[in-house]
Protein backbone atom coordinates (compact mmCIF):
# COMPACT_ATOMS: atom_id res chain seq x y z
CA MET A 1 25.69 150.58 17.34
CA GLY A 2 26.49 154.17 17.93
CA SER A 3 28.10 157.32 16.75
CA MET A 4 31.67 158.25 16.03
CA ALA A 5 32.07 159.22 19.66
CA GLY A 6 31.13 155.67 20.69
CA LEU A 7 33.97 154.00 18.84
CA ILE A 8 36.60 152.58 21.14
CA GLY A 9 39.57 152.78 18.76
CA GLY A 10 38.82 156.28 17.53
CA ASN A 11 40.12 155.51 14.03
CA LYS A 12 39.04 158.48 11.94
CA ILE A 13 39.66 159.34 8.28
CA ILE A 14 38.69 162.67 6.72
CA PHE A 15 38.38 163.25 2.97
CA SER A 16 38.37 166.90 1.96
CA GLY A 17 36.00 168.46 -0.55
CA GLU A 18 32.37 168.21 -1.53
CA PRO A 19 31.05 164.61 -1.36
CA LYS A 20 30.38 163.18 -4.84
CA SER A 21 27.55 160.80 -5.70
CA THR A 22 27.95 157.58 -7.65
CA GLN A 23 26.28 159.28 -10.64
CA HIS A 24 29.19 161.76 -10.85
CA ILE A 25 31.94 159.13 -10.88
CA TYR A 26 30.53 156.15 -12.78
CA ARG A 27 29.12 155.94 -16.31
CA SER A 28 27.76 153.08 -18.37
CA ALA A 29 28.51 152.17 -21.95
CA CYS A 30 27.18 149.51 -24.25
CA ARG A 31 29.92 147.11 -25.37
CA GLY A 32 29.17 143.97 -27.33
CA GLY A 33 25.48 144.32 -26.59
CA PHE A 34 26.03 144.48 -22.82
CA ALA A 35 25.92 147.47 -20.51
CA GLN A 36 29.24 147.99 -18.77
CA LEU A 37 29.91 150.30 -15.83
CA TYR A 38 33.17 152.25 -15.75
CA MET A 39 34.74 154.95 -13.60
CA THR A 40 35.16 158.40 -15.15
CA ALA A 41 38.49 160.23 -15.21
CA GLU A 42 37.09 162.53 -12.49
CA GLY A 43 36.17 159.47 -10.43
CA LYS A 44 39.64 157.92 -10.82
CA ALA A 45 41.33 161.18 -9.79
CA LEU A 46 39.06 161.53 -6.76
CA LYS A 47 39.67 157.92 -5.69
CA GLU A 48 43.44 158.52 -5.93
CA GLN A 49 43.06 161.68 -3.81
CA TYR A 50 41.04 159.76 -1.22
CA GLN A 51 43.64 156.97 -1.13
CA TRP A 52 46.44 159.48 -0.63
CA GLU A 53 44.51 161.17 2.20
CA ALA A 54 43.75 157.78 3.80
CA ARG A 55 47.40 156.68 3.68
CA SER A 56 48.52 159.95 5.27
CA GLN A 57 46.05 159.52 8.15
CA TRP A 58 45.97 155.75 8.76
CA LYS A 59 48.75 154.30 10.87
CA GLY A 60 49.22 150.56 11.03
CA PRO A 61 48.14 147.59 8.96
CA PRO A 62 44.65 147.15 7.50
CA LEU A 63 42.02 145.89 9.95
CA SER A 64 40.96 142.26 9.62
CA GLY A 65 37.67 140.65 10.58
CA ASP A 66 34.31 142.38 10.79
CA ILE A 67 34.34 146.16 11.06
CA GLU A 68 31.93 149.02 11.65
CA VAL A 69 32.03 152.23 9.63
CA HIS A 70 30.24 155.46 10.51
CA ILE A 71 30.24 158.12 7.79
CA THR A 72 29.16 161.75 8.03
CA PHE A 73 28.91 163.62 4.74
CA TYR A 74 29.36 167.36 5.26
CA PHE A 75 27.81 169.09 2.24
CA GLY A 76 28.48 172.67 1.24
CA THR A 77 24.80 173.27 0.46
CA LYS A 78 21.52 172.02 1.86
CA ARG A 79 20.47 170.34 -1.35
CA ARG A 80 18.59 167.07 -1.01
CA ALA A 81 20.16 163.91 -2.39
CA ASP A 82 19.99 160.14 -1.83
CA LEU A 83 22.52 159.64 0.94
CA ASP A 84 23.26 156.05 -0.07
CA ASN A 85 24.67 157.26 -3.43
CA PHE A 86 27.68 158.89 -1.74
CA ASN A 87 29.45 156.09 0.13
CA LYS A 88 30.79 153.75 -2.59
CA LEU A 89 33.87 155.67 -3.70
CA ALA A 90 34.91 156.55 -0.13
CA LEU A 91 34.60 152.93 1.00
CA ASP A 92 36.39 151.56 -2.08
CA ALA A 93 39.27 154.00 -1.53
CA LEU A 94 39.93 152.53 1.94
CA THR A 95 40.36 148.96 0.64
CA GLY A 96 43.87 147.70 1.27
CA ILE A 97 44.69 150.71 3.46
CA VAL A 98 42.24 150.74 6.37
CA TYR A 99 40.72 147.29 5.86
CA GLU A 100 41.49 144.35 3.62
CA ASP A 101 38.19 144.42 1.70
CA ASP A 102 34.94 146.34 2.03
CA SER A 103 33.09 143.02 2.41
CA GLN A 104 34.33 143.15 6.03
CA ILE A 105 31.85 145.95 6.79
CA ALA A 106 29.26 144.43 9.13
CA GLU A 107 27.75 147.75 10.24
CA LEU A 108 27.47 150.93 8.17
CA THR A 109 25.94 154.20 9.36
CA LEU A 110 25.43 157.19 7.03
CA LYS A 111 24.65 160.72 8.19
CA ARG A 112 24.13 164.05 6.37
CA ALA A 113 25.37 167.36 7.78
CA TYR A 114 26.21 170.80 6.39
CA ALA A 115 29.48 172.73 6.44
CA PRO A 116 29.37 175.49 3.80
CA LYS A 117 32.94 176.59 4.50
CA LYS A 118 34.48 173.12 4.77
CA PRO A 119 32.63 170.32 2.94
CA ARG A 120 34.15 166.90 3.60
CA ILE A 121 33.58 163.25 4.44
CA GLU A 122 34.41 162.03 7.96
CA MET A 123 34.61 158.31 8.61
CA ALA A 124 35.11 156.45 11.86
CA ILE A 125 36.24 152.85 11.45
CA ASP A 126 36.74 150.18 14.07
CA SER A 127 36.79 146.41 14.57
CA MET A 128 33.48 144.92 15.68
CA ARG A 129 33.40 143.81 19.29
CA TYR A 130 31.06 140.90 19.86
CA ILE A 131 29.80 139.91 23.28
CA GLU A 132 29.22 136.22 23.77
CA CYS A 133 26.06 135.24 25.58
CA SER A 134 25.99 132.03 27.56
């Protein structure tokens, strides 16, 4: 476990703009008596932007096997928010580009920081390295 600096491969993806929470990109509607979750038009556009940014930065095929992901959310303001509400869209956008499926994530670290002039999301992704004990 560690920080972005501790990753051996140094695979880094940066998404520009203010991080958005799940509440901003998903809505629910009642259909046929059942609640159904759907992505808003804003959410779809943001996911497409993230995918474009990921493709322009990621070189090579998607990683296979277990991976570790370290995310730092750089917010433009020091408002308080539940940090775990900000990772879903970013992780979903990397599926099929950086890794095959987000179920491969064996370690996930989230961190909050502030950058009023340049809000963004920085992610470091690498394959897990297991040490066998005898």
